N, C-alpha and C. Protein backbone atom coordinates (compact mmCIF):
# COMPACT_ATOMS: atom_id res chain seq x y z
N MET A 1 81.49 37.69 36.84
CA MET A 1 81.56 38.99 36.21
C MET A 1 80.60 39.97 36.89
N LYS A 2 79.38 39.49 37.23
CA LYS A 2 78.41 40.36 37.88
C LYS A 2 78.91 40.80 39.24
N LYS A 3 79.61 39.90 39.98
CA LYS A 3 80.16 40.25 41.28
C LYS A 3 81.22 41.34 41.15
N LEU A 4 82.06 41.23 40.12
CA LEU A 4 83.10 42.22 39.88
C LEU A 4 82.49 43.59 39.58
N ILE A 5 81.46 43.60 38.76
CA ILE A 5 80.78 44.86 38.43
C ILE A 5 80.13 45.46 39.68
N LEU A 6 79.51 44.62 40.49
CA LEU A 6 78.87 45.09 41.73
C LEU A 6 79.92 45.65 42.68
N LEU A 7 81.03 44.95 42.84
CA LEU A 7 82.10 45.44 43.72
C LEU A 7 82.65 46.77 43.22
N ALA A 8 82.87 46.89 41.92
CA ALA A 8 83.36 48.14 41.34
C ALA A 8 82.37 49.27 41.59
N ALA A 9 81.09 49.00 41.43
CA ALA A 9 80.06 50.01 41.66
C ALA A 9 80.03 50.44 43.12
N LEU A 10 80.13 49.49 44.05
CA LEU A 10 80.14 49.83 45.47
C LEU A 10 81.36 50.67 45.82
N PHE A 11 82.50 50.30 45.28
CA PHE A 11 83.72 51.07 45.53
C PHE A 11 83.57 52.50 45.00
N PHE A 12 83.03 52.65 43.81
CA PHE A 12 82.83 53.96 43.22
C PHE A 12 81.91 54.81 44.09
N VAL A 13 80.81 54.24 44.58
CA VAL A 13 79.88 54.96 45.45
C VAL A 13 80.57 55.36 46.74
N PHE A 14 81.37 54.46 47.31
CA PHE A 14 82.09 54.77 48.55
C PHE A 14 83.05 55.93 48.34
N ILE A 15 83.82 55.91 47.27
CA ILE A 15 84.78 56.98 47.00
C ILE A 15 84.06 58.31 46.83
N ILE A 16 82.96 58.31 46.12
CA ILE A 16 82.19 59.55 45.96
C ILE A 16 81.70 60.04 47.32
N THR A 17 81.20 59.13 48.15
CA THR A 17 80.70 59.51 49.47
C THR A 17 81.81 60.09 50.33
N VAL A 18 82.96 59.43 50.36
CA VAL A 18 84.09 59.92 51.16
C VAL A 18 84.56 61.28 50.65
N ASN A 19 84.68 61.43 49.34
CA ASN A 19 85.16 62.69 48.78
C ASN A 19 84.15 63.82 48.89
N ALA A 20 82.87 63.49 49.08
CA ALA A 20 81.84 64.52 49.19
C ALA A 20 81.85 65.19 50.56
N GLN A 21 82.48 64.54 51.55
CA GLN A 21 82.56 65.14 52.87
C GLN A 21 83.43 66.39 52.79
N THR A 22 83.11 67.39 53.57
CA THR A 22 83.87 68.63 53.50
C THR A 22 84.91 68.68 54.60
N TYR A 23 86.13 68.82 54.20
CA TYR A 23 87.26 68.99 55.09
C TYR A 23 88.04 70.20 54.60
N LYS A 24 88.47 71.05 55.51
CA LYS A 24 89.13 72.28 55.12
C LYS A 24 90.51 72.03 54.52
N LYS A 25 91.23 71.05 55.03
CA LYS A 25 92.59 70.81 54.56
C LYS A 25 92.82 69.33 54.32
N GLU A 26 92.28 68.81 53.26
CA GLU A 26 92.45 67.40 52.91
C GLU A 26 93.91 67.09 52.66
N ASP A 27 94.39 65.99 53.22
CA ASP A 27 95.74 65.49 53.01
C ASP A 27 96.83 66.48 53.40
N GLN A 28 96.61 67.26 54.45
CA GLN A 28 97.63 68.18 54.94
C GLN A 28 97.72 68.06 56.45
N MET A 29 98.51 67.13 56.92
CA MET A 29 98.71 67.00 58.36
C MET A 29 99.78 67.99 58.77
N PRO A 30 99.56 68.75 59.83
CA PRO A 30 100.47 69.83 60.20
C PRO A 30 101.72 69.34 60.92
N ASP A 31 102.80 70.09 60.77
CA ASP A 31 104.00 69.99 61.59
C ASP A 31 104.59 68.59 61.72
N GLY A 32 104.58 67.82 60.72
CA GLY A 32 105.19 66.50 60.83
C GLY A 32 105.11 65.74 59.54
N SER A 33 105.85 64.68 59.47
CA SER A 33 105.80 63.84 58.28
C SER A 33 105.25 62.47 58.66
N LEU A 34 104.31 62.01 57.91
CA LEU A 34 103.65 60.74 58.16
C LEU A 34 104.33 59.66 57.31
N THR A 35 104.82 58.61 57.97
CA THR A 35 105.41 57.47 57.28
C THR A 35 104.52 56.26 57.52
N PHE A 36 104.20 55.58 56.45
CA PHE A 36 103.24 54.48 56.46
C PHE A 36 103.90 53.29 55.78
N SER A 37 104.12 52.19 56.52
CA SER A 37 104.80 51.06 55.90
C SER A 37 104.43 49.76 56.60
N PRO A 38 104.59 48.62 55.93
CA PRO A 38 104.84 48.47 54.49
C PRO A 38 103.53 48.54 53.71
N ASN A 39 103.62 48.66 52.44
CA ASN A 39 102.44 48.61 51.58
C ASN A 39 102.84 47.88 50.31
N PRO A 40 102.39 46.65 50.09
CA PRO A 40 101.33 45.95 50.83
C PRO A 40 101.80 45.47 52.20
N VAL A 41 100.84 45.34 53.09
CA VAL A 41 101.10 44.90 54.46
C VAL A 41 100.73 43.42 54.58
N HIS A 42 101.44 42.72 55.49
CA HIS A 42 101.13 41.30 55.72
C HIS A 42 100.62 41.11 57.14
N GLU A 43 101.45 41.32 58.13
CA GLU A 43 101.08 41.04 59.52
C GLU A 43 100.95 42.29 60.39
N GLN A 44 101.74 43.34 60.09
CA GLN A 44 101.75 44.51 60.95
C GLN A 44 102.00 45.78 60.13
N LEU A 45 101.18 46.77 60.41
CA LEU A 45 101.28 48.07 59.75
C LEU A 45 101.92 49.04 60.73
N THR A 46 102.88 49.82 60.26
CA THR A 46 103.55 50.80 61.10
C THR A 46 103.26 52.20 60.57
N ILE A 47 102.78 53.08 61.46
CA ILE A 47 102.54 54.47 61.13
C ILE A 47 103.42 55.31 62.03
N GLN A 48 104.24 56.14 61.40
CA GLN A 48 105.15 56.99 62.15
C GLN A 48 104.86 58.44 61.81
N PHE A 49 104.74 59.26 62.85
CA PHE A 49 104.41 60.67 62.67
C PHE A 49 105.43 61.47 63.46
N ASP A 50 106.46 61.96 62.80
CA ASP A 50 107.56 62.65 63.45
C ASP A 50 107.24 64.12 63.70
N ASN A 51 107.79 64.64 64.78
CA ASN A 51 107.73 66.07 65.09
C ASN A 51 106.33 66.63 65.24
N TYR A 52 105.45 65.88 65.89
CA TYR A 52 104.08 66.37 66.07
C TYR A 52 103.63 66.15 67.51
N CYS A 53 103.38 67.23 68.22
CA CYS A 53 102.97 67.12 69.63
C CYS A 53 101.80 68.03 69.97
N GLU A 54 101.09 68.50 68.98
CA GLU A 54 100.04 69.48 69.25
C GLU A 54 98.84 68.88 69.98
N TYR A 55 98.29 67.78 69.50
CA TYR A 55 97.15 67.13 70.13
C TYR A 55 96.98 65.71 69.61
N ASN A 56 96.15 64.94 70.29
CA ASN A 56 95.88 63.57 69.84
C ASN A 56 95.17 63.60 68.49
N LEU A 57 95.42 62.59 67.68
CA LEU A 57 94.76 62.45 66.40
C LEU A 57 93.90 61.21 66.43
N LYS A 58 92.80 61.22 65.68
CA LYS A 58 91.93 60.05 65.56
C LYS A 58 92.31 59.31 64.27
N TRP A 59 92.22 57.99 64.30
CA TRP A 59 92.46 57.22 63.09
C TRP A 59 91.43 56.11 62.96
N LEU A 60 91.24 55.66 61.72
CA LEU A 60 90.38 54.51 61.47
C LEU A 60 90.84 53.81 60.21
N ILE A 61 90.49 52.55 60.13
CA ILE A 61 90.74 51.75 58.93
C ILE A 61 89.41 51.21 58.47
N THR A 62 89.12 51.41 57.18
CA THR A 62 87.89 50.87 56.59
C THR A 62 88.26 49.91 55.46
N ASP A 63 87.33 49.00 55.16
CA ASP A 63 87.52 48.20 53.95
C ASP A 63 86.96 49.02 52.79
N PHE A 64 87.04 48.48 51.57
CA PHE A 64 86.64 49.28 50.42
C PHE A 64 85.14 49.53 50.34
N THR A 65 84.34 48.85 51.18
CA THR A 65 82.90 49.10 51.20
C THR A 65 82.53 50.21 52.18
N GLY A 66 83.53 50.66 52.97
CA GLY A 66 83.27 51.70 53.94
C GLY A 66 83.05 51.19 55.35
N ARG A 67 83.08 49.88 55.54
CA ARG A 67 82.90 49.29 56.87
C ARG A 67 84.14 49.56 57.71
N ILE A 68 83.95 50.11 58.89
CA ILE A 68 85.07 50.39 59.78
C ILE A 68 85.59 49.09 60.36
N ILE A 69 86.88 48.84 60.16
CA ILE A 69 87.53 47.62 60.65
C ILE A 69 88.15 47.87 62.02
N LEU A 70 88.85 48.98 62.17
CA LEU A 70 89.51 49.36 63.42
C LEU A 70 89.49 50.87 63.54
N ASN A 71 89.58 51.35 64.78
CA ASN A 71 89.77 52.79 64.98
C ASN A 71 90.48 53.00 66.31
N GLY A 72 91.01 54.18 66.48
CA GLY A 72 91.73 54.48 67.70
C GLY A 72 92.24 55.91 67.71
N THR A 73 93.15 56.20 68.63
CA THR A 73 93.76 57.52 68.70
C THR A 73 95.27 57.40 68.57
N TYR A 74 95.86 58.42 68.03
CA TYR A 74 97.30 58.53 67.89
C TYR A 74 97.71 59.59 68.91
N PRO A 75 98.26 59.17 70.05
CA PRO A 75 98.56 60.11 71.12
C PRO A 75 99.56 61.18 70.72
N ALA A 76 99.34 62.41 71.16
CA ALA A 76 100.27 63.50 70.89
C ALA A 76 101.66 63.12 71.37
N CYS A 77 102.65 63.47 70.61
CA CYS A 77 104.07 63.25 70.90
C CYS A 77 104.50 61.80 70.77
N GLN A 78 103.60 60.87 70.52
CA GLN A 78 104.02 59.49 70.27
C GLN A 78 104.50 59.41 68.83
N GLN A 79 105.64 58.80 68.62
CA GLN A 79 106.23 58.81 67.28
C GLN A 79 105.76 57.66 66.40
N MET A 80 105.22 56.58 66.99
CA MET A 80 104.89 55.43 66.16
C MET A 80 103.74 54.64 66.78
N ILE A 81 102.86 54.14 65.91
CA ILE A 81 101.89 53.12 66.32
C ILE A 81 102.03 51.94 65.38
N GLN A 82 101.75 50.76 65.89
CA GLN A 82 101.77 49.55 65.08
C GLN A 82 100.41 48.89 65.20
N ILE A 83 99.89 48.48 64.06
CA ILE A 83 98.56 47.88 64.01
C ILE A 83 98.70 46.47 63.46
N GLU A 84 98.21 45.50 64.21
CA GLU A 84 98.24 44.11 63.77
C GLU A 84 97.21 43.91 62.66
N THR A 85 97.65 43.42 61.52
CA THR A 85 96.75 43.23 60.38
C THR A 85 96.66 41.76 59.95
N GLY A 86 97.24 40.88 60.72
CA GLY A 86 97.24 39.46 60.36
C GLY A 86 95.86 38.87 60.19
N VAL A 87 94.87 39.38 60.93
CA VAL A 87 93.51 38.84 60.84
C VAL A 87 92.68 39.50 59.73
N PHE A 88 93.20 40.55 59.10
CA PHE A 88 92.48 41.19 58.00
C PHE A 88 92.41 40.22 56.82
N GLN A 89 91.32 40.26 56.10
CA GLN A 89 91.24 39.50 54.85
C GLN A 89 92.07 40.22 53.80
N ASN A 90 92.59 39.48 52.84
CA ASN A 90 93.34 40.11 51.75
C ASN A 90 92.42 41.07 51.00
N GLY A 91 92.96 42.23 50.64
CA GLY A 91 92.17 43.21 49.90
C GLY A 91 92.68 44.61 50.13
N MET A 92 91.91 45.58 49.64
CA MET A 92 92.28 46.98 49.77
C MET A 92 91.60 47.60 50.98
N TYR A 93 92.35 48.44 51.69
CA TYR A 93 91.85 49.13 52.88
C TYR A 93 92.21 50.60 52.79
N ILE A 94 91.53 51.38 53.61
CA ILE A 94 91.78 52.82 53.66
C ILE A 94 92.06 53.22 55.10
N PHE A 95 93.21 53.87 55.30
CA PHE A 95 93.60 54.38 56.60
C PHE A 95 93.34 55.88 56.59
N VAL A 96 92.60 56.38 57.57
CA VAL A 96 92.28 57.81 57.66
C VAL A 96 92.70 58.31 59.04
N ILE A 97 93.45 59.40 59.06
CA ILE A 97 93.84 60.02 60.32
C ILE A 97 93.36 61.47 60.28
N THR A 98 92.73 61.93 61.38
CA THR A 98 92.15 63.26 61.42
C THR A 98 92.49 63.97 62.73
N THR A 99 92.40 65.28 62.69
CA THR A 99 92.52 66.07 63.90
C THR A 99 91.24 65.89 64.73
N PRO A 100 91.27 66.21 66.02
CA PRO A 100 90.09 65.99 66.86
C PRO A 100 88.83 66.68 66.35
N ASP A 101 88.96 67.81 65.69
CA ASP A 101 87.79 68.53 65.19
C ASP A 101 87.43 68.13 63.76
N ASP A 102 88.10 67.10 63.23
CA ASP A 102 87.89 66.63 61.85
C ASP A 102 88.17 67.71 60.81
N ASN A 103 88.97 68.69 61.18
CA ASN A 103 89.26 69.80 60.30
C ASN A 103 90.38 69.47 59.31
N ILE A 104 91.32 68.63 59.70
CA ILE A 104 92.44 68.25 58.85
C ILE A 104 92.49 66.74 58.80
N ARG A 105 92.72 66.18 57.60
CA ARG A 105 92.69 64.73 57.49
C ARG A 105 93.68 64.26 56.44
N LYS A 106 94.17 63.06 56.64
CA LYS A 106 95.07 62.40 55.69
C LYS A 106 94.50 61.01 55.41
N THR A 107 94.41 60.65 54.14
CA THR A 107 93.88 59.36 53.73
C THR A 107 94.95 58.60 52.96
N ILE A 108 95.17 57.34 53.33
CA ILE A 108 96.13 56.49 52.65
C ILE A 108 95.47 55.16 52.34
N ARG A 109 95.56 54.74 51.10
CA ARG A 109 95.04 53.44 50.70
C ARG A 109 96.18 52.42 50.81
N PHE A 110 95.84 51.21 51.28
CA PHE A 110 96.86 50.16 51.35
C PHE A 110 96.24 48.82 51.04
N VAL A 111 97.12 47.86 50.76
CA VAL A 111 96.70 46.52 50.39
C VAL A 111 97.17 45.55 51.45
N LYS A 112 96.30 44.66 51.87
CA LYS A 112 96.65 43.55 52.75
C LYS A 112 96.78 42.32 51.87
N SER A 113 97.95 41.67 51.94
CA SER A 113 98.14 40.45 51.12
C SER A 113 98.68 39.33 51.97
């Protein structure tokens, strides 16, 4: 029970920390539609971003404690990236994609099972 309370408290602190950061356009990626599948994910996560060629985007995946698990770039005009998640431990993760200047960002929560 104490572990559950501690985990809940850490998650709450992480969410407050993430939400306290200032971004001009939270959850508004320009000129395209972001498709994220499957959720829950087992072995491979697919992110598709149609109709977007303005510039490269940065992405990262964190666990619920805020520890960065993976990061990379989403090349301009590329329609899809696939991320191997087979080695991830089961649990909740957060995928964040941002513009190069961190001005626009999209956050998606997903479960690895």
